[in-house]
Amino acid sequence: MKNYYLLLLASVSLSACVATESFVDGEPGADGVSVVSSIDNEKCEPKAAVKVRHTGYAERLTGYIEKDLDKLAKNAAFKEGGNTVMMIEKYEEGRGTQSALYHVYMCN
């Protein structure tokens, strides 16, 4: 019976890790950067391409992983002087490690 409670406690603890919304802090000012799925080339000037990478120790839901990658890209875009990012390619989708390539733009 004791082992059952230990197993139940471990399951609940791991579930809490999986459900964590974000492991990434936003840089001051990066909250003004937009994440888009397409670009109007007449209104947007390319600034940079950035590869972002996040390494964690827990399996997480895909939506939370993408939010972290987007937040890392927004941080990088702000540092590059851009106000818009678009994911171009996902590289890694492994246990605890994810990365993606984003293009950074300055859009009017």
PDB file of N, CA and C in Angstrom:
ATOM      1  N   MET A   1       0.817  -1.192   0.000  1.00  0.00           N
ATOM      2  CA  MET A   1       0.000   0.000   0.000  1.00  0.00           C
ATOM      3  C   MET A   1       0.867   1.265   0.000  1.00  0.00           C
ATOM      4  N   LYS A   2       1.966   1.200   0.740  1.00  0.00           N
ATOM      5  CA  LYS A   2       2.874   2.331   0.815  1.00  0.00           C
ATOM      6  C   LYS A   2       3.457   2.656  -0.566  1.00  0.00           C
ATOM      7  N   ASN A   3       3.817   1.627  -1.326  1.00  0.00           N
ATOM      8  CA  ASN A   3       4.362   1.819  -2.670  1.00  0.00           C
ATOM      9  C   ASN A   3       3.350   2.468  -3.595  1.00  0.00           C
ATOM     10  N   TYR A   4       2.082   2.124  -3.419  1.00  0.00           N
ATOM     11  CA  TYR A   4       1.018   2.714  -4.234  1.00  0.00           C
ATOM     12  C   TYR A   4       0.978   4.228  -4.022  1.00  0.00           C
ATOM     13  N   TYR A   5       1.058   4.679  -2.784  1.00  0.00           N
ATOM     14  CA  TYR A   5       1.031   6.114  -2.500  1.00  0.00           C
ATOM     15  C   TYR A   5       2.274   6.818  -3.038  1.00  0.00           C
ATOM     16  N   LEU A   6       3.417   6.170  -2.961  1.00  0.00           N
ATOM     17  CA  LEU A   6       4.638   6.753  -3.516  1.00  0.00           C
ATOM     18  C   LEU A   6       4.520   6.889  -5.031  1.00  0.00           C
ATOM     19  N   LEU A   7       3.972   5.887  -5.695  1.00  0.00           N
ATOM     20  CA  LEU A   7       3.772   5.931  -7.140  1.00  0.00           C
ATOM     21  C   LEU A   7       2.786   7.033  -7.509  1.00  0.00           C
ATOM     22  N   LEU A   8       1.705   7.142  -6.759  1.00  0.00           N
ATOM     23  CA  LEU A   8       0.711   8.186  -6.997  1.00  0.00           C
ATOM     24  C   LEU A   8       1.323   9.573  -6.810  1.00  0.00           C
ATOM     25  N   LEU A   9       2.108   9.764  -5.774  1.00  0.00           N
ATOM     26  CA  LEU A   9       2.768  11.041  -5.516  1.00  0.00           C
ATOM     27  C   LEU A   9       3.744  11.386  -6.642  1.00  0.00           C
ATOM     28  N   ALA A  10       4.507  10.407  -7.111  1.00  0.00           N
ATOM     29  CA  ALA A  10       5.447  10.646  -8.207  1.00  0.00           C
ATOM     30  C   ALA A  10       4.708  11.025  -9.478  1.00  0.00           C
ATOM     31  N   SER A  11       3.585  10.382  -9.764  1.00  0.00           N
ATOM     32  CA  SER A  11       2.795  10.692 -10.963  1.00  0.00           C
ATOM     33  C   SER A  11       2.258  12.107 -10.918  1.00  0.00           C
ATOM     34  N   VAL A  12       1.750  12.515  -9.778  1.00  0.00           N
ATOM     35  CA  VAL A  12       1.218  13.872  -9.634  1.00  0.00           C
ATOM     36  C   VAL A  12       2.332  14.901  -9.793  1.00  0.00           C
ATOM     37  N   SER A  13       3.493  14.627  -9.225  1.00  0.00           N
ATOM     38  CA  SER A  13       4.628  15.550  -9.333  1.00  0.00           C
ATOM     39  C   SER A  13       5.075  15.695 -10.778  1.00  0.00           C
ATOM     40  N   LEU A  14       5.147  14.593 -11.512  1.00  0.00           N
ATOM     41  CA  LEU A  14       5.548  14.656 -12.911  1.00  0.00           C
ATOM     42  C   LEU A  14       4.505  15.361 -13.746  1.00  0.00           C
ATOM     43  N   SER A  15       3.238  15.169 -13.440  1.00  0.00           N
ATOM     44  CA  SER A  15       2.174  15.859 -14.168  1.00  0.00           C
ATOM     45  C   SER A  15       2.294  17.365 -13.992  1.00  0.00           C
ATOM     46  N   ALA A  16       2.683  17.793 -12.824  1.00  0.00           N
ATOM     47  CA  ALA A  16       2.845  19.228 -12.583  1.00  0.00           C
ATOM     48  C   ALA A  16       3.955  19.790 -13.463  1.00  0.00           C
ATOM     49  N   CYS A  17       5.020  19.031 -13.668  1.00  0.00           N
ATOM     50  CA  CYS A  17       6.107  19.489 -14.539  1.00  0.00           C
ATOM     51  C   CYS A  17       5.648  19.579 -15.983  1.00  0.00           C
ATOM     52  N   VAL A  18       4.898  18.618 -16.441  1.00  0.00           N
ATOM     53  CA  VAL A  18       4.432  18.601 -17.818  1.00  0.00           C
ATOM     54  C   VAL A  18       3.494  19.772 -18.085  1.00  0.00           C
ATOM     55  N   ALA A  19       2.709  20.145 -17.118  1.00  0.00           N
ATOM     56  CA  ALA A  19       1.702  21.182 -17.324  1.00  0.00           C
ATOM     57  C   ALA A  19       2.245  22.596 -17.186  1.00  0.00           C
ATOM     58  N   THR A  20       3.492  22.750 -16.784  1.00  0.00           N
ATOM     59  CA  THR A  20       4.051  24.083 -16.606  1.00  0.00           C
ATOM     60  C   THR A  20       3.935  24.881 -17.891  1.00  0.00           C
ATOM     61  N   GLU A  21       3.403  26.089 -17.776  1.00  0.00           N
ATOM     62  CA  GLU A  21       3.135  26.885 -18.977  1.00  0.00           C
ATOM     63  C   GLU A  21       4.391  27.377 -19.663  1.00  0.00           C
ATOM     64  N   SER A  22       5.328  27.951 -18.933  1.00  0.00           N
ATOM     65  CA  SER A  22       6.499  28.513 -19.597  1.00  0.00           C
ATOM     66  C   SER A  22       7.719  28.442 -18.703  1.00  0.00           C
ATOM     67  N   PHE A  23       8.845  28.095 -19.315  1.00  0.00           N
ATOM     68  CA  PHE A  23      10.117  28.081 -18.614  1.00  0.00           C
ATOM     69  C   PHE A  23      10.977  29.262 -19.029  1.00  0.00           C
ATOM     70  N   VAL A  24      10.487  30.117 -19.919  1.00  0.00           N
ATOM     71  CA  VAL A  24      11.275  31.197 -20.502  1.00  0.00           C
ATOM     72  C   VAL A  24      10.757  32.546 -20.018  1.00  0.00           C
ATOM     73  N   ASP A  25      11.662  33.400 -19.583  1.00  0.00           N
ATOM     74  CA  ASP A  25      11.306  34.755 -19.190  1.00  0.00           C
ATOM     75  C   ASP A  25      11.374  35.666 -20.407  1.00  0.00           C
ATOM     76  N   GLY A  26      10.431  36.577 -20.502  1.00  0.00           N
ATOM     77  CA  GLY A  26      10.448  37.563 -21.575  1.00  0.00           C
ATOM     78  C   GLY A  26      11.371  38.716 -21.234  1.00  0.00           C
ATOM     79  N   GLU A  27      12.100  39.198 -22.220  1.00  0.00           N
ATOM     80  CA  GLU A  27      12.951  40.369 -22.038  1.00  0.00           C
ATOM     81  C   GLU A  27      12.072  41.612 -21.974  1.00  0.00           C
ATOM     82  N   PRO A  28      12.455  42.618 -21.207  1.00  0.00           N
ATOM     83  CA  PRO A  28      11.694  43.869 -21.211  1.00  0.00           C
ATOM     84  C   PRO A  28      11.648  44.450 -22.628  1.00  0.00           C
ATOM     85  N   GLY A  29      10.456  44.729 -23.116  1.00  0.00           N
ATOM     86  CA  GLY A  29      10.289  45.274 -24.460  1.00  0.00           C
ATOM     87  C   GLY A  29       9.950  44.234 -25.500  1.00  0.00           C
ATOM     88  N   ALA A  30      10.253  42.964 -25.230  1.00  0.00           N
ATOM     89  CA  ALA A  30       9.992  41.903 -26.206  1.00  0.00           C
ATOM     90  C   ALA A  30       8.510  41.572 -26.327  1.00  0.00           C
ATOM     91  N   ASP A  31       7.718  41.994 -25.361  1.00  0.00           N
ATOM     92  CA  ASP A  31       6.276  41.718 -25.437  1.00  0.00           C
ATOM     93  C   ASP A  31       5.616  42.479 -26.589  1.00  0.00           C
ATOM     94  N   GLY A  32       6.276  43.486 -27.151  1.00  0.00           N
ATOM     95  CA  GLY A  32       5.752  44.221 -28.297  1.00  0.00           C
ATOM     96  C   GLY A  32       6.073  43.575 -29.636  1.00  0.00           C
ATOM     97  N   VAL A  33       6.792  42.461 -29.621  1.00  0.00           N
ATOM     98  CA  VAL A  33       7.139  41.743 -30.848  1.00  0.00           C
ATOM     99  C   VAL A  33       6.004  40.784 -31.195  1.00  0.00           C
ATOM    100  N   SER A  34       5.590  40.796 -32.461  1.00  0.00           N
ATOM    101  CA  SER A  34       4.505  39.927 -32.927  1.00  0.00           C
ATOM    102  C   SER A  34       5.063  38.641 -33.519  1.00  0.00           C
ATOM    103  N   VAL A  35       4.321  37.551 -33.326  1.00  0.00           N
ATOM    104  CA  VAL A  35       4.640  36.268 -33.948  1.00  0.00           C
ATOM    105  C   VAL A  35       3.603  36.047 -35.041  1.00  0.00           C
ATOM    106  N   VAL A  36       4.069  35.856 -36.279  1.00  0.00           N
ATOM    107  CA  VAL A  36       3.152  35.722 -37.412  1.00  0.00           C
ATOM    108  C   VAL A  36       3.470  34.449 -38.200  1.00  0.00           C
ATOM    109  N   SER A  37       2.510  34.051 -39.047  1.00  0.00           N
ATOM    110  CA  SER A  37       2.728  32.872 -39.885  1.00  0.00           C
ATOM    111  C   SER A  37       2.994  33.243 -41.339  1.00  0.00           C
ATOM    112  N   SER A  38       2.812  34.531 -41.692  1.00  0.00           N
ATOM    113  CA  SER A  38       3.153  35.013 -43.035  1.00  0.00           C
ATOM    114  C   SER A  38       3.541  36.483 -42.939  1.00  0.00           C
ATOM    115  N   ILE A  39       4.271  36.955 -43.940  1.00  0.00           N
ATOM    116  CA  ILE A  39       4.812  38.320 -43.946  1.00  0.00           C
ATOM    117  C   ILE A  39       4.358  39.057 -45.194  1.00  0.00           C
ATOM    118  N   ASP A  40       4.010  40.327 -45.028  1.00  0.00           N
ATOM    119  CA  ASP A  40       3.742  41.219 -46.165  1.00  0.00           C
ATOM    120  C   ASP A  40       5.074  41.885 -46.502  1.00  0.00           C
ATOM    121  N   ASN A  41       5.706  41.438 -47.576  1.00  0.00           N
ATOM    122  CA  ASN A  41       7.045  41.929 -47.940  1.00  0.00           C
ATOM    123  C   ASN A  41       7.075  43.419 -48.251  1.00  0.00           C
ATOM    124  N   GLU A  42       5.947  44.011 -48.587  1.00  0.00           N
ATOM    125  CA  GLU A  42       5.909  45.449 -48.858  1.00  0.00           C
ATOM    126  C   GLU A  42       5.925  46.263 -47.574  1.00  0.00           C
ATOM    127  N   LYS A  43       5.502  45.672 -46.460  1.00  0.00           N
ATOM    128  CA  LYS A  43       5.432  46.393 -45.195  1.00  0.00           C
ATOM    129  C   LYS A  43       6.503  45.970 -44.198  1.00  0.00           C
ATOM    130  N   CYS A  44       7.282  44.936 -44.532  1.00  0.00           N
ATOM    131  CA  CYS A  44       8.250  44.396 -43.585  1.00  0.00           C
ATOM    132  C   CYS A  44       9.647  44.304 -44.193  1.00  0.00           C
ATOM    133  N   GLU A  45      10.621  44.755 -43.421  1.00  0.00           N
ATOM    134  CA  GLU A  45      12.020  44.712 -43.837  1.00  0.00           C
ATOM    135  C   GLU A  45      12.744  43.604 -43.057  1.00  0.00           C
ATOM    136  N   PRO A  46      13.419  42.680 -43.744  1.00  0.00           N
ATOM    137  CA  PRO A  46      14.158  41.629 -43.038  1.00  0.00           C
ATOM    138  C   PRO A  46      15.286  42.231 -42.194  1.00  0.00           C
ATOM    139  N   LYS A  47      15.446  41.711 -40.982  1.00  0.00           N
ATOM    140  CA  LYS A  47      16.500  42.192 -40.083  1.00  0.00           C
ATOM    141  C   LYS A  47      17.543  41.109 -39.792  1.00  0.00           C
ATOM    142  N   ALA A  48      17.090  39.875 -39.556  1.00  0.00           N
ATOM    143  CA  ALA A  48      18.022  38.818 -39.156  1.00  0.00           C
ATOM    144  C   ALA A  48      17.326  37.463 -39.215  1.00  0.00           C
ATOM    145  N   ALA A  49      18.133  36.432 -39.104  1.00  0.00           N
ATOM    146  CA  ALA A  49      17.629  35.073 -38.893  1.00  0.00           C
ATOM    147  C   ALA A  49      18.230  34.618 -37.566  1.00  0.00           C
ATOM    148  N   VAL A  50      17.411  34.054 -36.708  1.00  0.00           N
ATOM    149  CA  VAL A  50      17.892  33.618 -35.400  1.00  0.00           C
ATOM    150  C   VAL A  50      17.456  32.185 -35.146  1.00  0.00           C
ATOM    151  N   LYS A  51      18.383  31.408 -34.596  1.00  0.00           N
ATOM    152  CA  LYS A  51      18.060  30.057 -34.164  1.00  0.00           C
ATOM    153  C   LYS A  51      17.931  30.096 -32.659  1.00  0.00           C
ATOM    154  N   VAL A  52      16.790  29.660 -32.173  1.00  0.00           N
ATOM    155  CA  VAL A  52      16.569  29.633 -30.729  1.00  0.00           C
ATOM    156  C   VAL A  52      16.523  28.176 -30.278  1.00  0.00           C
ATOM    157  N   ARG A  53      16.952  27.967 -29.048  1.00  0.00           N
ATOM    158  CA  ARG A  53      17.019  26.601 -28.521  1.00  0.00           C
ATOM    159  C   ARG A  53      16.636  26.623 -27.057  1.00  0.00           C
ATOM    160  N   HIS A  54      15.840  25.656 -26.674  1.00  0.00           N
ATOM    161  CA  HIS A  54      15.436  25.518 -25.281  1.00  0.00           C
ATOM    162  C   HIS A  54      15.697  24.095 -24.842  1.00  0.00           C
ATOM    163  N   THR A  55      16.395  23.940 -23.735  1.00  0.00           N
ATOM    164  CA  THR A  55      16.664  22.623 -23.174  1.00  0.00           C
ATOM    165  C   THR A  55      16.007  22.547 -21.817  1.00  0.00           C
ATOM    166  N   GLY A  56      15.194  21.532 -21.629  1.00  0.00           N
ATOM    167  CA  GLY A  56      14.512  21.325 -20.355  1.00  0.00           C
ATOM    168  C   GLY A  56      14.678  19.887 -19.919  1.00  0.00           C
ATOM    169  N   TYR A  57      14.070  19.564 -18.811  1.00  0.00           N
ATOM    170  CA  TYR A  57      14.219  18.218 -18.266  1.00  0.00           C
ATOM    171  C   TYR A  57      12.888  17.500 -18.116  1.00  0.00           C
ATOM    172  N   ALA A  58      11.831  18.049 -18.684  1.00  0.00           N
ATOM    173  CA  ALA A  58      10.516  17.422 -18.559  1.00  0.00           C
ATOM    174  C   ALA A  58       9.840  17.382 -19.921  1.00  0.00           C
ATOM    175  N   GLU A  59       9.091  16.338 -20.154  1.00  0.00           N
ATOM    176  CA  GLU A  59       8.275  16.289 -21.357  1.00  0.00           C
ATOM    177  C   GLU A  59       7.133  17.275 -21.170  1.00  0.00           C
ATOM    178  N   ARG A  60       6.822  18.025 -22.219  1.00  0.00           N
ATOM    179  CA  ARG A  60       5.805  19.066 -22.108  1.00  0.00           C
ATOM    180  C   ARG A  60       4.868  18.991 -23.287  1.00  0.00           C
ATOM    181  N   LEU A  61       3.732  19.632 -23.146  1.00  0.00           N
ATOM    182  CA  LEU A  61       2.762  19.688 -24.224  1.00  0.00           C
ATOM    183  C   LEU A  61       3.299  20.555 -25.358  1.00  0.00           C
ATOM    184  N   THR A  62       2.998  20.181 -26.593  1.00  0.00           N
ATOM    185  CA  THR A  62       3.518  20.873 -27.776  1.00  0.00           C
ATOM    186  C   THR A  62       3.206  22.361 -27.751  1.00  0.00           C
ATOM    187  N   GLY A  63       2.017  22.744 -27.363  1.00  0.00           N
ATOM    188  CA  GLY A  63       1.651  24.158 -27.323  1.00  0.00           C
ATOM    189  C   GLY A  63       2.544  24.971 -26.407  1.00  0.00           C
ATOM    190  N   TYR A  64       2.941  24.391 -25.280  1.00  0.00           N
ATOM    191  CA  TYR A  64       3.820  25.095 -24.349  1.00  0.00           C
ATOM    192  C   TYR A  64       5.236  25.198 -24.913  1.00  0.00           C
ATOM    193  N   ILE A  65       5.688  24.166 -25.601  1.00  0.00           N
ATOM    194  CA  ILE A  65       7.009  24.191 -26.215  1.00  0.00           C
ATOM    195  C   ILE A  65       7.069  25.308 -27.252  1.00  0.00           C
ATOM    196  N   GLU A  66       6.047  25.397 -28.095  1.00  0.00           N
ATOM    197  CA  GLU A  66       6.026  26.441 -29.123  1.00  0.00           C
ATOM    198  C   GLU A  66       5.945  27.834 -28.506  1.00  0.00           C
ATOM    199  N   LYS A  67       5.235  27.986 -27.400  1.00  0.00           N
ATOM    200  CA  LYS A  67       5.187  29.287 -26.719  1.00  0.00           C
ATOM    201  C   LYS A  67       6.577  29.683 -26.229  1.00  0.00           C
ATOM    202  N   ASP A  68       7.328  28.713 -25.691  1.00  0.00           N
ATOM    203  CA  ASP A  68       8.691  29.010 -25.229  1.00  0.00           C
ATOM    204  C   ASP A  68       9.598  29.385 -26.389  1.00  0.00           C
ATOM    205  N   LEU A  69       9.514  28.644 -27.502  1.00  0.00           N
ATOM    206  CA  LEU A  69      10.320  28.976 -28.674  1.00  0.00           C
ATOM    207  C   LEU A  69       9.959  30.361 -29.201  1.00  0.00           C
ATOM    208  N   ASP A  70       8.656  30.665 -29.251  1.00  0.00           N
ATOM    209  CA  ASP A  70       8.218  31.985 -29.694  1.00  0.00           C
ATOM    210  C   ASP A  70       8.748  33.078 -28.770  1.00  0.00           C
ATOM    211  N   LYS A  71       8.702  32.822 -27.460  1.00  0.00           N
ATOM    212  CA  LYS A  71       9.182  33.824 -26.506  1.00  0.00           C
ATOM    213  C   LYS A  71      10.688  34.059 -26.668  1.00  0.00           C
ATOM    214  N   LEU A  72      11.448  32.987 -26.888  1.00  0.00           N
ATOM    215  CA  LEU A  72      12.884  33.139 -27.137  1.00  0.00           C
ATOM    216  C   LEU A  72      13.128  33.935 -28.415  1.00  0.00           C
ATOM    217  N   ALA A  73      12.327  33.671 -29.454  1.00  0.00           N
ATOM    218  CA  ALA A  73      12.469  34.403 -30.722  1.00  0.00           C
ATOM    219  C   ALA A  73      12.099  35.871 -30.540  1.00  0.00           C
ATOM    220  N   LYS A  74      11.073  36.155 -29.759  1.00  0.00           N
ATOM    221  CA  LYS A  74      10.687  37.546 -29.501  1.00  0.00           C
ATOM    222  C   LYS A  74      11.798  38.276 -28.758  1.00  0.00           C
ATOM    223  N   ASN A  75      12.427  37.606 -27.794  1.00  0.00           N
ATOM    224  CA  ASN A  75      13.560  38.200 -27.079  1.00  0.00           C
ATOM    225  C   ASN A  75      14.685  38.540 -28.054  1.00  0.00           C
ATOM    226  N   ALA A  76      15.004  37.582 -28.941  1.00  0.00           N
ATOM    227  CA  ALA A  76      16.073  37.798 -29.922  1.00  0.00           C
ATOM    228  C   ALA A  76      15.717  38.905 -30.901  1.00  0.00           C
ATOM    229  N   ALA A  77      14.459  38.956 -31.329  1.00  0.00           N
ATOM    230  CA  ALA A  77      14.020  39.983 -32.282  1.00  0.00           C
ATOM    231  C   ALA A  77      14.159  41.372 -31.678  1.00  0.00           C
ATOM    232  N   PHE A  78      13.798  41.510 -30.431  1.00  0.00           N
ATOM    233  CA  PHE A  78      13.909  42.801 -29.766  1.00  0.00           C
ATOM    234  C   PHE A  78      15.371  43.254 -29.737  1.00  0.00           C
ATOM    235  N   LYS A  79      16.270  42.330 -29.458  1.00  0.00           N
ATOM    236  CA  LYS A  79      17.706  42.658 -29.437  1.00  0.00           C
ATOM    237  C   LYS A  79      18.232  43.004 -30.828  1.00  0.00           C
ATOM    238  N   GLU A  80      17.627  42.428 -31.876  1.00  0.00           N
ATOM    239  CA  GLU A  80      18.040  42.680 -33.260  1.00  0.00           C
ATOM    240  C   GLU A  80      17.362  43.911 -33.863  1.00  0.00           C
ATOM    241  N   GLY A  81      16.479  44.555 -33.111  1.00  0.00           N
ATOM    242  CA  GLY A  81      15.797  45.740 -33.609  1.00  0.00           C
ATOM    243  C   GLY A  81      14.583  45.433 -34.474  1.00  0.00           C
ATOM    244  N   GLY A  82      14.012  44.247 -34.313  1.00  0.00           N
ATOM    245  CA  GLY A  82      12.820  43.870 -35.067  1.00  0.00           C
ATOM    246  C   GLY A  82      11.570  43.910 -34.204  1.00  0.00           C
ATOM    247  N   ASN A  83      10.422  43.883 -34.877  1.00  0.00           N
ATOM    248  CA  ASN A  83       9.160  43.879 -34.127  1.00  0.00           C
ATOM    249  C   ASN A  83       8.239  42.727 -34.536  1.00  0.00           C
ATOM    250  N   THR A  84       8.733  41.826 -35.398  1.00  0.00           N
ATOM    251  CA  THR A  84       7.928  40.705 -35.881  1.00  0.00           C
ATOM    252  C   THR A  84       8.833  39.509 -36.123  1.00  0.00           C
ATOM    253  N   VAL A  85       8.350  38.301 -35.763  1.00  0.00           N
ATOM    254  CA  VAL A  85       9.086  37.071 -36.038  1.00  0.00           C
ATOM    255  C   VAL A  85       8.174  36.064 -36.725  1.00  0.00           C
ATOM    256  N   MET A  86       8.796  35.217 -37.545  1.00  0.00           N
ATOM    257  CA  MET A  86       8.069  34.138 -38.202  1.00  0.00           C
ATOM    258  C   MET A  86       8.936  32.878 -38.157  1.00  0.00           C
ATOM    259  N   MET A  87       8.370  31.778 -37.634  1.00  0.00           N
ATOM    260  CA  MET A  87       9.115  30.521 -37.580  1.00  0.00           C
ATOM    261  C   MET A  87       9.262  29.974 -38.995  1.00  0.00           C
ATOM    262  N   ILE A  88      10.492  29.605 -39.332  1.00  0.00           N
ATOM    263  CA  ILE A  88      10.797  29.060 -40.646  1.00  0.00           C
ATOM    264  C   ILE A  88      10.914  27.544 -40.588  1.00  0.00           C
ATOM    265  N   GLU A  89      11.594  27.045 -39.552  1.00  0.00           N
ATOM    266  CA  GLU A  89      11.842  25.606 -39.483  1.00  0.00           C
ATOM    267  C   GLU A  89      12.090  25.170 -38.047  1.00  0.00           C
ATOM    268  N   LYS A  90      11.543  24.020 -37.687  1.00  0.00           N
ATOM    269  CA  LYS A  90      11.853  23.395 -36.402  1.00  0.00           C
ATOM    270  C   LYS A  90      12.957  22.384 -36.636  1.00  0.00           C
ATOM    271  N   TYR A  91      13.997  22.430 -35.807  1.00  0.00           N
ATOM    272  CA  TYR A  91      15.118  21.516 -35.969  1.00  0.00           C
ATOM    273  C   TYR A  91      15.012  20.287 -35.078  1.00  0.00           C
ATOM    274  N   GLU A  92      14.935  20.522 -33.791  1.00  0.00           N
ATOM    275  CA  GLU A  92      14.961  19.424 -32.831  1.00  0.00           C
ATOM    276  C   GLU A  92      13.614  19.280 -32.160  1.00  0.00           C
ATOM    277  N   GLU A  93      13.197  18.057 -32.016  1.00  0.00           N
ATOM    278  CA  GLU A  93      12.029  17.758 -31.203  1.00  0.00           C
ATOM    279  C   GLU A  93      12.365  16.529 -30.388  1.00  0.00           C
ATOM    280  N   GLY A  94      13.277  16.686 -29.452  1.00  0.00           N
ATOM    281  CA  GLY A  94      13.726  15.554 -28.651  1.00  0.00           C
ATOM    282  C   GLY A  94      13.220  15.656 -27.231  1.00  0.00           C
ATOM    283  N   ARG A  95      13.620  14.710 -26.440  1.00  0.00           N
ATOM    284  CA  ARG A  95      13.219  14.711 -25.036  1.00  0.00           C
ATOM    285  C   ARG A  95      13.915  15.865 -24.327  1.00  0.00           C
ATOM    286  N   GLY A  96      13.180  16.905 -24.068  1.00  0.00           N
ATOM    287  CA  GLY A  96      13.709  18.016 -23.311  1.00  0.00           C
ATOM    288  C   GLY A  96      14.419  19.092 -24.112  1.00  0.00           C
ATOM    289  N   THR A  97      14.703  18.873 -25.397  1.00  0.00           N
ATOM    290  CA  THR A  97      15.395  19.878 -26.198  1.00  0.00           C
ATOM    291  C   THR A  97      14.588  20.188 -27.447  1.00  0.00           C
ATOM    292  N   GLN A  98      14.382  21.470 -27.689  1.00  0.00           N
ATOM    293  CA  GLN A  98      13.683  21.911 -28.886  1.00  0.00           C
ATOM    294  C   GLN A  98      14.410  23.134 -29.435  1.00  0.00           C
ATOM    295  N   SER A  99      14.434  23.269 -30.762  1.00  0.00           N
ATOM    296  CA  SER A  99      15.000  24.464 -31.361  1.00  0.00           C
ATOM    297  C   SER A  99      14.280  24.769 -32.658  1.00  0.00           C
ATOM    298  N   ALA A 100      14.387  26.025 -33.091  1.00  0.00           N
ATOM    299  CA  ALA A 100      13.730  26.452 -34.322  1.00  0.00           C
ATOM    300  C   ALA A 100      14.461  27.662 -34.899  1.00  0.00           C
ATOM    301  N   LEU A 101      14.279  27.852 -36.205  1.00  0.00           N
ATOM    302  CA  LEU A 101      14.823  29.006 -36.912  1.00  0.00           C
ATOM    303  C   LEU A 101      13.693  29.991 -37.167  1.00  0.00           C
ATOM    304  N   TYR A 102      13.925  31.241 -36.832  1.00  0.00           N
ATOM    305  CA  TYR A 102      12.950  32.318 -37.050  1.00  0.00           C
ATOM    306  C   TYR A 102      13.594  33.401 -37.907  1.00  0.00           C
ATOM    307  N   HIS A 103      12.803  34.039 -38.724  1.00  0.00           N
ATOM    308  CA  HIS A 103      13.239  35.252 -39.398  1.00  0.00           C
ATOM    309  C   HIS A 103      12.681  36.435 -38.611  1.00  0.00           C
ATOM    310  N   VAL A 104      13.499  37.460 -38.477  1.00  0.00           N
ATOM    311  CA  VAL A 104      13.144  38.668 -37.737  1.00  0.00           C
ATOM    312  C   VAL A 104      12.914  39.783 -38.744  1.00  0.00           C
ATOM    313  N   TYR A 105      11.839  40.548 -38.561  1.00  0.00           N
ATOM    314  CA  TYR A 105      11.475  41.648 -39.465  1.00  0.00           C
ATOM    315  C   TYR A 105      11.151  42.916 -38.662  1.00  0.00           C
ATOM    316  N   MET A 106      11.286  44.039 -39.346  1.00  0.00           N
ATOM    317  CA  MET A 106      10.763  45.317 -38.836  1.00  0.00           C
ATOM    318  C   MET A 106       9.604  45.653 -39.769  1.00  0.00           C
ATOM    319  N   CYS A 107       8.404  45.627 -39.228  1.00  0.00           N
ATOM    320  CA  CYS A 107       7.188  45.882 -40.039  1.00  0.00           C
ATOM    321  C   CYS A 107       6.536  47.193 -39.631  1.00  0.00           C
ATOM    322  N   ASN A 108       5.946  47.836 -40.623  1.00  0.00           N
ATOM    323  CA  ASN A 108       5.210  49.089 -40.368  1.00  0.00           C
ATOM    324  C   ASN A 108       3.793  48.802 -39.962  1.00  0.00           C
TER     325      ASN A 108
END
